[in-house]
Protein backbone atom coordinates (compact mmCIF):
# COMPACT_ATOMS: atom_id res chain seq x y z
CA MET A 1 -28.85 -1.47 -0.47
CA PRO A 2 -27.24 -4.26 -2.54
CA PRO A 3 -28.98 -7.64 -2.53
CA GLU A 4 -27.69 -10.20 -0.05
CA LYS A 5 -25.31 -12.90 -1.24
CA SER A 6 -26.68 -16.40 -1.67
CA ILE A 7 -25.45 -19.24 0.52
CA SER A 8 -23.70 -20.90 -2.42
CA ARG A 9 -21.88 -17.64 -3.22
CA SER A 10 -20.76 -17.26 0.40
CA LEU A 11 -19.56 -20.88 0.55
CA GLY A 12 -17.66 -20.42 -2.71
CA GLU A 13 -15.88 -17.35 -1.35
CA PHE A 14 -15.13 -19.18 1.92
CA PHE A 15 -13.54 -22.18 0.22
CA GLY A 16 -11.79 -19.87 -2.25
CA HIS A 17 -10.03 -18.14 0.65
CA ILE A 18 -9.07 -21.50 2.13
CA TRP A 19 -7.74 -22.68 -1.24
CA LYS A 20 -5.69 -19.51 -1.62
CA GLY A 21 -4.20 -20.10 1.85
CA VAL A 22 -3.30 -23.69 0.93
CA GLN A 23 -1.55 -22.55 -2.24
CA GLU A 24 0.52 -19.86 -0.46
CA PRO A 25 4.15 -20.96 0.15
CA VAL A 26 5.07 -21.38 3.83
CA GLY A 27 8.40 -20.89 5.51
CA GLU A 28 10.14 -19.03 2.70
CA PRO A 29 11.96 -15.90 3.81
CA ALA A 30 10.41 -12.67 2.70
CA ALA A 31 12.31 -10.96 -0.08
CA LYS A 32 14.00 -7.71 0.80
CA PRO A 33 12.32 -4.80 -0.91
CA GLU A 34 14.52 -2.88 -3.31
CA GLY A 35 14.00 0.58 -4.65
CA LYS A 36 11.97 3.48 -3.32
CA MET A 37 8.91 2.99 -1.17
CA ILE A 38 6.56 5.63 0.16
CA VAL A 39 6.46 5.17 3.91
CA ARG A 40 4.07 7.96 4.84
CA GLU A 41 2.17 10.66 2.99
CA HIS A 42 0.49 13.52 4.83
CA THR A 43 -1.56 16.31 3.23
CA GLU A 44 -2.73 19.47 4.97
CA GLU A 45 -5.35 21.60 3.29
CA GLU A 46 -6.55 25.08 4.22
CA VAL A 47 -9.08 27.36 2.55
CA ARG A 48 -8.55 31.13 2.82
CA ASP A 49 -10.67 34.02 1.65
CA THR A 50 -8.81 36.61 -0.44
CA PRO A 51 -10.02 39.69 -2.34
CA GLN A 52 -9.85 37.59 -5.54
CA GLY A 53 -11.93 34.79 -4.03
CA LYS A 54 -11.32 31.59 -2.09
CA VAL A 55 -7.85 30.06 -2.29
CA VAL A 56 -6.93 26.50 -1.31
CA LEU A 57 -3.50 26.10 0.26
CA ARG A 58 -2.23 22.54 0.23
CA ARG A 59 0.96 21.14 1.77
CA THR A 60 1.91 17.55 1.01
CA ILE A 61 4.70 15.81 2.89
CA VAL A 62 5.97 12.54 1.40
CA GLU A 63 8.39 10.38 3.35
CA GLU A 64 10.24 7.84 1.23
CA MET A 65 12.56 5.02 2.07
CA GLU A 66 15.10 3.74 -0.43
CA VAL A 67 16.65 0.30 -0.02
CA VAL A 68 19.98 0.06 -1.78
CA PRO A 69 21.09 -3.51 -2.55
CA GLU A 70 24.38 -4.50 -1.00
CA THR A 71 27.29 -4.88 -3.38
CA LYS A 72 30.10 -7.23 -2.48
CA LYS A 73 33.62 -5.91 -2.95
CA PRO A 74 36.07 -8.29 -4.63
CA ASP A 75 38.89 -9.49 -2.35
CA ALA A 76 42.24 -7.99 -3.30
């Protein structure tokens, strides 16, 4: 079990979190993400016995989302 934190260490972390919150900008709109992002990743794993020995079958499903930035068409 790791040793307990001292009171001064805990107070320093507490005020550090408050300071970080004060420095964070407020009210600015969140930027739209661009590019590919992994939305969900699911892995199924199965162990089977074969005459050659144990075999691990693994199926991984990755769902991605791609945000394409809008391009404005020039007026003709």
